[in-house]
C-alpha atoms as a PDB file:
ATOM      1  CA  MET A   1     -11.261 160.822  74.039  1.00  0.00           C
ATOM      2  CA  VAL A   2      -7.746 159.820  75.097  1.00  0.00           C
ATOM      3  CA  ALA A   3      -4.999 161.210  72.852  1.00  0.00           C
ATOM      4  CA  ILE A   4      -2.458 158.630  71.641  1.00  0.00           C
ATOM      5  CA  ASN A   5      -0.421 160.491  69.072  1.00  0.00           C
ATOM      6  CA  ARG A   6       3.057 159.030  69.522  1.00  0.00           C
ATOM      7  CA  ILE A   7       3.856 155.378  70.296  1.00  0.00           C
ATOM      8  CA  VAL A   8       7.172 153.675  71.035  1.00  0.00           C
ATOM      9  CA  PHE A   9       7.105 149.945  70.361  1.00  0.00           C
ATOM     10  CA  MET A  10       9.411 147.533  72.208  1.00  0.00           C
ATOM     11  CA  GLY A  11       9.759 143.931  71.005  1.00  0.00           C
ATOM     12  CA  THR A  12      12.274 141.497  69.598  1.00  0.00           C
ATOM     13  CA  PRO A  13      11.304 138.009  68.309  1.00  0.00           C
ATOM     14  CA  GLU A  14       8.876 136.791  65.670  1.00  0.00           C
ATOM     15  CA  PHE A  15       6.152 136.693  68.337  1.00  0.00           C
ATOM     16  CA  ALA A  16       6.261 140.505  68.525  1.00  0.00           C
ATOM     17  CA  VAL A  17       5.969 141.131  64.771  1.00  0.00           C
ATOM     18  CA  PRO A  18       2.141 140.875  64.517  1.00  0.00           C
ATOM     19  CA  SER A  19       1.795 143.471  67.301  1.00  0.00           C
ATOM     20  CA  LEU A  20       3.968 145.958  65.430  1.00  0.00           C
ATOM     21  CA  HIS A  21       2.249 145.075  62.173  1.00  0.00           C
ATOM     22  CA  THR A  22      -1.134 145.855  63.782  1.00  0.00           C
ATOM     23  CA  LEU A  23       0.061 149.288  64.864  1.00  0.00           C
ATOM     24  CA  LEU A  24       1.308 150.058  61.371  1.00  0.00           C
ATOM     25  CA  ALA A  25      -1.780 148.660  59.633  1.00  0.00           C
ATOM     26  CA  LYS A  26      -4.021 150.836  61.805  1.00  0.00           C
ATOM     27  CA  GLY A  27      -2.009 153.925  60.960  1.00  0.00           C
ATOM     28  CA  GLU A  28      -0.616 154.469  64.443  1.00  0.00           C
ATOM     29  CA  ASN A  29       2.285 156.908  64.662  1.00  0.00           C
ATOM     30  CA  VAL A  30       5.077 154.573  65.773  1.00  0.00           C
ATOM     31  CA  VAL A  31       7.882 157.067  66.315  1.00  0.00           C
ATOM     32  CA  CYS A  32      10.520 154.557  67.409  1.00  0.00           C
ATOM     33  CA  VAL A  33      11.122 150.818  67.806  1.00  0.00           C
ATOM     34  CA  VAL A  34      13.302 149.455  70.601  1.00  0.00           C
ATOM     35  CA  THR A  35      14.650 145.941  70.146  1.00  0.00           C
ATOM     36  CA  GLN A  36      17.524 143.742  71.294  1.00  0.00           C
ATOM     37  CA  PRO A  37      20.943 144.099  69.626  1.00  0.00           C
ATOM     38  CA  ASP A  38      21.767 141.933  66.610  1.00  0.00           C
ATOM     39  CA  ARG A  39      22.952 138.528  67.849  1.00  0.00           C
ATOM     40  CA  PRO A  40      24.628 135.414  66.384  1.00  0.00           C
ATOM     41  CA  ARG A  41      21.958 132.842  65.500  1.00  0.00           C
ATOM     42  CA  GLY A  42      21.632 129.431  63.921  1.00  0.00           C
ATOM     43  CA  ARG A  43      24.256 126.766  63.334  1.00  0.00           C
ATOM     44  CA  GLY A  44      26.483 129.160  61.443  1.00  0.00           C
ATOM     45  CA  ARG A  45      26.284 131.709  64.284  1.00  0.00           C
ATOM     46  CA  LYS A  46      25.795 134.483  61.758  1.00  0.00           C
ATOM     47  CA  VAL A  47      24.954 137.854  63.297  1.00  0.00           C
ATOM     48  CA  LEU A  48      21.358 138.643  62.324  1.00  0.00           C
ATOM     49  CA  PRO A  49      18.895 141.429  63.177  1.00  0.00           C
ATOM     50  CA  PRO A  50      15.833 140.612  65.310  1.00  0.00           C
ATOM     51  CA  PRO A  51      12.600 140.095  63.325  1.00  0.00           C
ATOM     52  CA  VAL A  52      11.112 143.295  64.767  1.00  0.00           C
ATOM     53  CA  LYS A  53      14.071 145.316  63.525  1.00  0.00           C
ATOM     54  CA  VAL A  54      13.602 143.876  60.045  1.00  0.00           C
ATOM     55  CA  LEU A  55       9.986 145.075  59.908  1.00  0.00           C
ATOM     56  CA  ALA A  56      10.856 148.470  61.391  1.00  0.00           C
ATOM     57  CA  SER A  57      13.645 148.962  58.867  1.00  0.00           C
ATOM     58  CA  GLU A  58      11.316 148.090  55.987  1.00  0.00           C
ATOM     59  CA  THR A  59       9.003 150.905  57.089  1.00  0.00           C
ATOM     60  CA  ALA A  60      11.786 153.422  57.887  1.00  0.00           C
ATOM     61  CA  ILE A  61      10.985 153.621  61.606  1.00  0.00           C
ATOM     62  CA  PRO A  62      13.945 154.699  63.777  1.00  0.00           C
ATOM     63  CA  VAL A  63      15.380 151.752  65.734  1.00  0.00           C
ATOM     64  CA  LEU A  64      17.168 151.740  69.087  1.00  0.00           C
ATOM     65  CA  GLN A  65      19.122 148.628  70.160  1.00  0.00           C
ATOM     66  CA  PRO A  66      20.529 149.392  73.610  1.00  0.00           C
ATOM     67  CA  GLU A  67      22.804 146.888  75.345  1.00  0.00           C
ATOM     68  CA  HIS A  68      21.613 148.320  78.659  1.00  0.00           C
ATOM     69  CA  ILE A  69      18.258 149.931  79.418  1.00  0.00           C
ATOM     70  CA  ARG A  70      18.645 150.962  83.060  1.00  0.00           C
ATOM     71  CA  GLY A  71      21.036 153.862  82.615  1.00  0.00           C
ATOM     72  CA  ASP A  72      20.396 157.503  81.861  1.00  0.00           C
ATOM     73  CA  ASP A  73      21.611 157.198  78.260  1.00  0.00           C
ATOM     74  CA  PHE A  74      18.716 155.022  77.181  1.00  0.00           C
ATOM     75  CA  ARG A  75      16.181 157.079  79.093  1.00  0.00           C
ATOM     76  CA  SER A  76      17.456 160.267  77.440  1.00  0.00           C
ATOM     77  CA  ALA A  77      17.311 158.646  73.997  1.00  0.00           C
ATOM     78  CA  LEU A  78      13.724 157.555  74.604  1.00  0.00           C
ATOM     79  CA  GLU A  79      12.611 160.919  76.001  1.00  0.00           C
ATOM     80  CA  LYS A  80      13.544 162.582  72.701  1.00  0.00           C
ATOM     81  CA  TYR A  81      10.687 160.726  70.994  1.00  0.00           C
ATOM     82  CA  LYS A  82       8.108 162.131  73.455  1.00  0.00           C
ATOM     83  CA  PRO A  83       5.895 158.989  73.485  1.00  0.00           C
ATOM     84  CA  ASP A  84       2.335 159.146  74.770  1.00  0.00           C
ATOM     85  CA  LEU A  85       2.428 155.367  75.213  1.00  0.00           C
ATOM     86  CA  ILE A  86       4.913 152.493  75.122  1.00  0.00           C
ATOM     87  CA  VAL A  87       3.665 149.179  73.726  1.00  0.00           C
ATOM     88  CA  LEU A  88       5.746 146.134  74.631  1.00  0.00           C
ATOM     89  CA  THR A  89       5.569 142.597  73.216  1.00  0.00           C
ATOM     90  CA  ALA A  90       8.272 140.061  74.130  1.00  0.00           C
ATOM     91  CA  TYR A  91      11.062 142.611  74.347  1.00  0.00           C
ATOM     92  CA  GLY A  92      13.362 140.299  76.312  1.00  0.00           C
ATOM     93  CA  ASN A  93      14.343 142.468  79.290  1.00  0.00           C
ATOM     94  CA  ILE A  94      12.600 143.617  82.465  1.00  0.00           C
ATOM     95  CA  LEU A  95      11.889 147.327  82.188  1.00  0.00           C
ATOM     96  CA  PRO A  96      12.912 149.646  85.018  1.00  0.00           C
ATOM     97  CA  HIS A  97      10.187 151.665  86.680  1.00  0.00           C
ATOM     98  CA  HIS A  98      11.360 154.972  85.209  1.00  0.00           C
ATOM     99  CA  ILE A  99      10.935 153.624  81.658  1.00  0.00           C
ATOM    100  CA  ILE A 100       7.528 152.030  82.330  1.00  0.00           C
ATOM    101  CA  ASN A 101       6.177 155.349  83.578  1.00  0.00           C
ATOM    102  CA  LEU A 102       7.975 157.633  81.142  1.00  0.00           C
ATOM    103  CA  PRO A 103       4.960 158.218  78.833  1.00  0.00           C
ATOM    104  CA  PRO A 104       1.804 159.906  80.197  1.00  0.00           C
ATOM    105  CA  LEU A 105      -0.187 156.707  79.497  1.00  0.00           C
ATOM    106  CA  GLY A 106       2.515 154.397  80.804  1.00  0.00           C
ATOM    107  CA  THR A 107       3.381 151.079  79.169  1.00  0.00           C
ATOM    108  CA  ILE A 108       1.058 148.290  78.038  1.00  0.00           C
ATOM    109  CA  ASN A 109       2.223 144.741  77.435  1.00  0.00           C
ATOM    110  CA  VAL A 110       1.002 141.942  75.161  1.00  0.00           C
ATOM    111  CA  HIS A 111       1.510 138.772  77.232  1.00  0.00           C
ATOM    112  CA  GLY A 112       1.060 135.199  75.963  1.00  0.00           C
ATOM    113  CA  SER A 113      -1.167 133.798  78.713  1.00  0.00           C
ATOM    114  CA  LEU A 114      -4.387 134.410  80.584  1.00  0.00           C
ATOM    115  CA  LEU A 115      -2.968 136.278  83.545  1.00  0.00           C
ATOM    116  CA  PRO A 116      -2.580 135.814  86.445  1.00  0.00           C
ATOM    117  CA  LYS A 117      -1.683 132.321  85.219  1.00  0.00           C
ATOM    118  CA  TYR A 118       1.818 131.907  83.805  1.00  0.00           C
ATOM    119  CA  ARG A 119       3.586 135.076  84.772  1.00  0.00           C
ATOM    120  CA  GLY A 120       7.106 135.069  83.392  1.00  0.00           C
ATOM    121  CA  ALA A 121       9.242 134.448  80.337  1.00  0.00           C
ATOM    122  CA  ALA A 122       7.852 131.112  79.086  1.00  0.00           C
ATOM    123  CA  PRO A 123       4.037 131.187  79.387  1.00  0.00           C
ATOM    124  CA  ILE A 124       3.350 129.323  76.144  1.00  0.00           C
ATOM    125  CA  GLN A 125       5.699 126.444  76.971  1.00  0.00           C
ATOM    126  CA  TRP A 126       4.351 125.953  80.486  1.00  0.00           C
ATOM    127  CA  ALA A 127       0.706 126.058  79.417  1.00  0.00           C
ATOM    128  CA  LEU A 128       1.421 123.119  77.097  1.00  0.00           C
ATOM    129  CA  ILE A 129       3.632 121.247  79.562  1.00  0.00           C
ATOM    130  CA  ASN A 130       0.938 121.485  82.222  1.00  0.00           C
ATOM    131  CA  GLY A 131      -1.754 120.164  79.900  1.00  0.00           C
ATOM    132  CA  GLU A 132      -3.954 123.263  79.784  1.00  0.00           C
ATOM    133  CA  THR A 133      -6.977 123.025  77.497  1.00  0.00           C
ATOM    134  CA  GLU A 134      -7.269 126.797  77.123  1.00  0.00           C
ATOM    135  CA  THR A 135      -4.887 129.724  77.005  1.00  0.00           C
ATOM    136  CA  GLY A 136      -4.798 133.144  75.363  1.00  0.00           C
ATOM    137  CA  VAL A 137      -3.302 136.619  75.513  1.00  0.00           C
ATOM    138  CA  THR A 138      -3.560 139.429  78.019  1.00  0.00           C
ATOM    139  CA  ILE A 139      -3.165 143.144  77.348  1.00  0.00           C
ATOM    140  CA  MET A 140      -1.795 144.437  80.631  1.00  0.00           C
ATOM    141  CA  GLN A 141      -0.887 147.810  82.126  1.00  0.00           C
ATOM    142  CA  MET A 142       2.700 147.297  83.231  1.00  0.00           C
ATOM    143  CA  ASP A 143       3.907 148.001  86.743  1.00  0.00           C
ATOM    144  CA  ALA A 144       7.164 147.313  88.584  1.00  0.00           C
ATOM    145  CA  GLY A 145       6.343 143.610  89.129  1.00  0.00           C
ATOM    146  CA  ILE A 146       6.775 140.732  86.688  1.00  0.00           C
ATOM    147  CA  ASP A 147       3.462 140.508  84.801  1.00  0.00           C
ATOM    148  CA  THR A 148       1.541 141.743  87.858  1.00  0.00           C
ATOM    149  CA  GLY A 149      -0.100 144.831  86.364  1.00  0.00           C
ATOM    150  CA  ASP A 150      -3.803 145.453  85.845  1.00  0.00           C
ATOM    151  CA  ILE A 151      -5.555 143.438  83.133  1.00  0.00           C
ATOM    152  CA  LEU A 152      -6.946 145.628  80.357  1.00  0.00           C
ATOM    153  CA  LEU A 153      -8.227 142.995  77.926  1.00  0.00           C
ATOM    154  CA  GLN A 154      -8.028 139.227  77.373  1.00  0.00           C
ATOM    155  CA  GLU A 155      -8.672 136.942  74.414  1.00  0.00           C
ATOM    156  CA  LYS A 156      -8.905 133.142  74.725  1.00  0.00           C
ATOM    157  CA  ILE A 157      -8.012 130.217  72.485  1.00  0.00           C
ATOM    158  CA  THR A 158      -8.625 126.463  72.769  1.00  0.00           C
ATOM    159  CA  LEU A 159      -5.542 124.261  72.698  1.00  0.00           C
ATOM    160  CA  GLU A 160      -5.342 121.442  70.179  1.00  0.00           C
ATOM    161  CA  LYS A 161      -3.847 118.055  71.059  1.00  0.00           C
ATOM    162  CA  THR A 162      -1.278 118.552  68.318  1.00  0.00           C
ATOM    163  CA  ASP A 163      -0.205 122.062  69.342  1.00  0.00           C
ATOM    164  CA  THR A 164       3.468 122.652  70.021  1.00  0.00           C
ATOM    165  CA  THR A 165       5.145 125.770  71.339  1.00  0.00           C
ATOM    166  CA  GLY A 166       6.025 126.525  67.723  1.00  0.00           C
ATOM    167  CA  THR A 167       2.469 126.333  66.389  1.00  0.00           C
ATOM    168  CA  LEU A 168       0.855 127.909  69.446  1.00  0.00           C
ATOM    169  CA  SER A 169       3.276 130.844  69.395  1.00  0.00           C
ATOM    170  CA  VAL A 170       2.131 131.713  65.877  1.00  0.00           C
ATOM    171  CA  LYS A 171      -1.539 131.569  66.908  1.00  0.00           C
ATOM    172  CA  LEU A 172      -1.022 133.672  70.034  1.00  0.00           C
ATOM    173  CA  ALA A 173       1.141 136.205  68.226  1.00  0.00           C
ATOM    174  CA  GLU A 174      -1.676 136.863  65.750  1.00  0.00           C
ATOM    175  CA  LEU A 175      -4.251 136.891  68.556  1.00  0.00           C
ATOM    176  CA  GLY A 176      -2.066 139.311  70.503  1.00  0.00           C
ATOM    177  CA  GLY A 177      -1.849 141.689  67.567  1.00  0.00           C
ATOM    178  CA  ALA A 178      -5.629 141.686  67.146  1.00  0.00           C
ATOM    179  CA  ALA A 179      -6.176 142.150  70.887  1.00  0.00           C
ATOM    180  CA  LEU A 180      -3.734 145.073  70.926  1.00  0.00           C
ATOM    181  CA  GLY A 181      -5.665 146.827  68.165  1.00  0.00           C
ATOM    182  CA  LYS A 182      -8.919 146.343  70.062  1.00  0.00           C
ATOM    183  CA  ALA A 183      -7.360 147.586  73.322  1.00  0.00           C
ATOM    184  CA  LEU A 184      -6.090 150.802  71.723  1.00  0.00           C
ATOM    185  CA  GLU A 185      -9.539 151.560  70.311  1.00  0.00           C
ATOM    186  CA  LEU A 186     -11.085 151.081  73.751  1.00  0.00           C
ATOM    187  CA  LEU A 187      -8.327 153.153  75.384  1.00  0.00           C
ATOM    188  CA  ARG A 188      -8.931 156.035  72.993  1.00  0.00           C
ATOM    189  CA  GLY A 189     -12.642 155.875  73.717  1.00  0.00           C
ATOM    190  CA  GLY A 190     -12.059 155.930  77.461  1.00  0.00           C
ATOM    191  CA  SER A 191     -13.808 152.572  77.901  1.00  0.00           C
ATOM    192  CA  LEU A 192     -10.846 150.371  78.831  1.00  0.00           C
ATOM    193  CA  VAL A 193     -11.403 149.350  82.463  1.00  0.00           C
ATOM    194  CA  PRO A 194      -8.341 148.050  84.375  1.00  0.00           C
ATOM    195  CA  VAL A 195      -8.947 144.932  86.490  1.00  0.00           C
ATOM    196  CA  LYS A 196      -6.660 143.981  89.361  1.00  0.00           C
ATOM    197  CA  GLN A 197      -5.095 140.539  89.127  1.00  0.00           C
ATOM    198  CA  ASP A 198      -5.994 137.927  91.716  1.00  0.00           C
ATOM    199  CA  ASP A 199      -2.577 137.044  93.098  1.00  0.00           C
ATOM    200  CA  ALA A 200      -4.002 133.928  94.752  1.00  0.00           C
ATOM    201  CA  GLN A 201      -4.586 132.454  91.273  1.00  0.00           C
ATOM    202  CA  ALA A 202      -1.103 133.282  89.990  1.00  0.00           C
ATOM    203  CA  CYS A 203       1.491 130.766  88.844  1.00  0.00           C
ATOM    204  CA  LEU A 204       4.916 131.306  87.341  1.00  0.00           C
ATOM    205  CA  ALA A 205       6.370 130.419  83.939  1.00  0.00           C
ATOM    206  CA  PRO A 206      10.148 130.625  84.357  1.00  0.00           C
ATOM    207  CA  LEU A 207      12.657 130.246  81.560  1.00  0.00           C
ATOM    208  CA  LEU A 208      13.352 126.644  80.602  1.00  0.00           C
ATOM    209  CA  LYS A 209      16.762 124.989  80.601  1.00  0.00           C
ATOM    210  CA  LYS A 210      18.041 122.221  78.344  1.00  0.00           C
ATOM    211  CA  GLU A 211      17.983 119.723  81.217  1.00  0.00           C
ATOM    212  CA  ASP A 212      14.256 120.324  81.701  1.00  0.00           C
ATOM    213  CA  GLY A 213      13.742 118.256  78.558  1.00  0.00           C
ATOM    214  CA  LEU A 214      14.934 114.955  80.057  1.00  0.00           C
ATOM    215  CA  VAL A 215      12.114 112.419  79.668  1.00  0.00           C
ATOM    216  CA  ASP A 216      11.098 110.388  82.708  1.00  0.00           C
ATOM    217  CA  TRP A 217       9.456 107.334  81.167  1.00  0.00           C
ATOM    218  CA  PHE A 218       7.726 106.506  84.470  1.00  0.00           C
ATOM    219  CA  LYS A 219       5.410 109.461  83.862  1.00  0.00           C
ATOM    220  CA  SER A 220       2.171 108.887  81.944  1.00  0.00           C
ATOM    221  CA  ALA A 221       1.857 109.041  78.174  1.00  0.00           C
ATOM    222  CA  GLU A 222      -0.337 112.130  78.601  1.00  0.00           C
ATOM    223  CA  GLN A 223       2.293 113.945  80.693  1.00  0.00           C
ATOM    224  CA  LEU A 224       5.076 113.065  78.285  1.00  0.00           C
ATOM    225  CA  SER A 225       3.071 114.146  75.257  1.00  0.00           C
ATOM    226  CA  CYS A 226       2.534 117.536  76.918  1.00  0.00           C
ATOM    227  CA  LEU A 227       6.227 117.831  77.744  1.00  0.00           C
ATOM    228  CA  ILE A 228       7.402 116.954  74.239  1.00  0.00           C
ATOM    229  CA  ARG A 229       4.992 119.380  72.582  1.00  0.00           C
ATOM    230  CA  GLY A 230       5.736 122.125  75.100  1.00  0.00           C
ATOM    231  CA  LEU A 231       9.473 121.896  74.428  1.00  0.00           C
ATOM    232  CA  ASP A 232       9.156 121.815  70.635  1.00  0.00           C
ATOM    233  CA  PRO A 233      11.147 123.454  69.047  1.00  0.00           C
ATOM    234  CA  TRP A 234      13.318 124.469  72.034  1.00  0.00           C
ATOM    235  CA  PRO A 235      14.897 123.196  74.196  1.00  0.00           C
ATOM    236  CA  SER A 236      13.245 119.917  73.037  1.00  0.00           C
ATOM    237  CA  ALA A 237      12.495 116.802  75.068  1.00  0.00           C
ATOM    238  CA  PHE A 238      15.114 114.070  74.942  1.00  0.00           C
ATOM    239  CA  THR A 239      15.994 110.579  76.053  1.00  0.00           C
ATOM    240  CA  THR A 240      19.059 108.451  75.384  1.00  0.00           C
ATOM    241  CA  LEU A 241      19.570 105.586  72.963  1.00  0.00           C
ATOM    242  CA  ALA A 242      22.781 103.547  73.276  1.00  0.00           C
ATOM    243  CA  GLY A 243      24.183 106.264  75.502  1.00  0.00           C
ATOM    244  CA  LYS A 244      23.564 109.101  73.035  1.00  0.00           C
ATOM    245  CA  ARG A 245      20.985 111.857  73.271  1.00  0.00           C
ATOM    246  CA  LEU A 246      17.861 111.407  71.163  1.00  0.00           C
ATOM    247  CA  ARG A 247      15.433 114.321  70.817  1.00  0.00           C
ATOM    248  CA  LEU A 248      11.751 113.492  70.561  1.00  0.00           C
ATOM    249  CA  PHE A 249       9.006 115.241  68.564  1.00  0.00           C
ATOM    250  CA  SER A 250       5.466 114.705  67.266  1.00  0.00           C
ATOM    251  CA  PRO A 251       4.054 112.469  70.018  1.00  0.00           C
ATOM    252  CA  GLU A 252       0.764 110.605  69.877  1.00  0.00           C
ATOM    253  CA  ILE A 253      -0.905 108.834  72.782  1.00  0.00           C
ATOM    254  CA  VAL A 254      -1.814 105.276  71.813  1.00  0.00           C
ATOM    255  CA  ALA A 255      -5.086 104.081  73.305  1.00  0.00           C
ATOM    256  CA  ASN A 256      -4.258 100.380  72.846  1.00  0.00           C
ATOM    257  CA  ASN A 257      -2.057  99.429  75.778  1.00  0.00           C
ATOM    258  CA  SER A 258      -1.117  95.996  74.431  1.00  0.00           C
ATOM    259  CA  CYS A 259       2.450  97.294  74.167  1.00  0.00           C
ATOM    260  CA  GLN A 260       2.614  98.192  77.840  1.00  0.00           C
ATOM    261  CA  SER A 261       1.053  94.910  78.956  1.00  0.00           C
ATOM    262  CA  ASN A 262       3.908  92.982  77.317  1.00  0.00           C
ATOM    263  CA  VAL A 263       6.724  94.843  79.066  1.00  0.00           C
ATOM    264  CA  THR A 264       7.618  95.546  82.648  1.00  0.00           C
ATOM    265  CA  GLU A 265       9.757  98.663  82.395  1.00  0.00           C
ATOM    266  CA  PRO A 266       8.680 102.121  81.194  1.00  0.00           C
ATOM    267  CA  GLY A 267      10.863 103.309  78.330  1.00  0.00           C
ATOM    268  CA  THR A 268      10.845  99.930  76.625  1.00  0.00           C
ATOM    269  CA  VAL A 269      10.513 100.096  72.846  1.00  0.00           C
ATOM    270  CA  CYS A 270       7.592  97.995  71.630  1.00  0.00           C
ATOM    271  CA  GLN A 271       8.114  98.689  67.956  1.00  0.00           C
ATOM    272  CA  ALA A 272      10.021 101.012  65.649  1.00  0.00           C
ATOM    273  CA  ASP A 273       8.824 101.052  62.068  1.00  0.00           C
ATOM    274  CA  ARG A 274       7.382 103.356  59.403  1.00  0.00           C
ATOM    275  CA  ASN A 275       4.590 104.336  61.816  1.00  0.00           C
ATOM    276  CA  GLY A 276       6.992 105.638  64.441  1.00  0.00           C
ATOM    277  CA  LEU A 277       8.690 104.671  67.670  1.00  0.00           C
ATOM    278  CA  LEU A 278       6.244 103.110  70.159  1.00  0.00           C
ATOM    279  CA  ALA A 279       7.379 103.010  73.787  1.00  0.00           C
ATOM    280  CA  ALA A 280       5.813 102.060  77.105  1.00  0.00           C
ATOM    281  CA  THR A 281       5.389 104.729  79.784  1.00  0.00           C
ATOM    282  CA  GLY A 282       4.309 104.671  83.403  1.00  0.00           C
ATOM    283  CA  ASN A 283       0.708 104.760  82.188  1.00  0.00           C
ATOM    284  CA  GLY A 284      -0.119 104.060  78.558  1.00  0.00           C
ATOM    285  CA  CYS A 285       1.985 104.001  75.424  1.00  0.00           C
ATOM    286  CA  LEU A 286       3.471 106.832  73.411  1.00  0.00           C
ATOM    287  CA  LEU A 287       4.139 106.880  69.678  1.00  0.00           C
ATOM    288  CA  ILE A 288       6.957 109.187  68.612  1.00  0.00           C
ATOM    289  CA  ARG A 289       6.848 110.117  64.924  1.00  0.00           C
ATOM    290  CA  GLU A 290       9.936 112.347  64.666  1.00  0.00           C
ATOM    291  CA  ILE A 291      13.362 112.161  66.292  1.00  0.00           C
ATOM    292  CA  GLN A 292      16.737 113.853  66.097  1.00  0.00           C
ATOM    293  CA  ALA A 293      19.959 112.032  66.931  1.00  0.00           C
ATOM    294  CA  GLU A 294      23.117 113.794  68.080  1.00  0.00           C
ATOM    295  CA  GLY A 295      24.832 115.569  65.189  1.00  0.00           C
ATOM    296  CA  SER A 296      21.927 114.929  62.847  1.00  0.00           C
ATOM    297  CA  ARG A 297      18.836 116.718  61.598  1.00  0.00           C
ATOM    298  CA  ARG A 298      15.265 116.221  62.698  1.00  0.00           C
ATOM    299  CA  MET A 299      13.589 113.456  60.700  1.00  0.00           C
ATOM    300  CA  ASN A 300      10.736 110.982  60.822  1.00  0.00           C
ATOM    301  CA  VAL A 301      11.392 107.662  62.533  1.00  0.00           C
ATOM    302  CA  GLU A 302      11.076 105.712  59.295  1.00  0.00           C
ATOM    303  CA  ALA A 303      14.026 107.601  57.776  1.00  0.00           C
ATOM    304  CA  PHE A 304      16.105 107.203  60.927  1.00  0.00           C
ATOM    305  CA  ILE A 305      15.708 103.444  61.327  1.00  0.00           C
ATOM    306  CA  ARG A 306      16.752 102.735  57.726  1.00  0.00           C
ATOM    307  CA  GLY A 307      20.333 103.158  58.860  1.00  0.00           C
ATOM    308  CA  ASN A 308      19.831 102.820  62.611  1.00  0.00           C
ATOM    309  CA  PRO A 309      17.427  99.968  63.428  1.00  0.00           C
ATOM    310  CA  ILE A 310      15.904 100.053  66.909  1.00  0.00           C
ATOM    311  CA  GLN A 311      15.024  96.595  68.168  1.00  0.00           C
ATOM    312  CA  PRO A 312      11.870  95.920  70.216  1.00  0.00           C
ATOM    313  CA  GLY A 313      12.870  95.466  73.835  1.00  0.00           C
ATOM    314  CA  THR A 314      15.418  98.268  73.734  1.00  0.00           C
ATOM    315  CA  ILE A 315      15.086 100.422  76.849  1.00  0.00           C
ATOM    316  CA  LEU A 316      15.305 104.159  76.257  1.00  0.00           C
ATOM    317  CA  GLY A 317      16.976 106.368  78.826  1.00  0.00           C
ATOM    318  CA  GLN A 318      19.465 103.814  80.116  1.00  0.00           C
END
């Protein structure tokens, strides 16, 4: 049997909450939670605690929120808790080697992809953008590289055509929590076998920027559907209408290409009514059901066009 008596958990956003909840539900001795400092969020820029801190505070677990994790101060603070293991889920910073290896059992990470695919900060977004049909979570033994450590356990999930980063994050967060619980049981029993990653199969999932959301209407309807869903809710895909930015959500590929056959330029609006905004692409047609204009809220197309009619023949992105 492997002794795991004291655990430090590191995580920050909502995605990390099910992992911490699993540890608490299984009666693990979480002696400390490390999370990012409180930050301004939302339109009002009100300073709010991270979701992980909220859960930790509700259960009276000590919380550390260091601005910097590479110095001796943080290491000394962590050493006082004498962890046997660090568990990390979406903490938000790259850990230095001396923190990864501080506990006798090292640090394990709950990662939102089937490694070695999608190493990096945005694995869920890129899996959707690239049109994957399957993804999952990996429990990994951390090393000094970025998501390059040995694989301890993986769980898979099939992607739905309607999945967005928002919906898929919820699914993978829950799956990650369950996988973490299973991995700890196997680790205690000495039956968790590390597997080296095949670097030849690796691909990266870097952070996305707002400009990555610009829609190129010459791409296919399938590609654009993947992009829109992968960037929902942030940073969101966008085009322009009358020179102003228009964010796009809830896409649907339309099998009937009668719209495209009647126009010559991708991005041309074929119709805009209560069913949505139908536009031609480089291959096929795309129906957009929700949009968000500059300075406005997200709404369905029907509500938008009541005060802002969009005429057939309008070319988006000009």
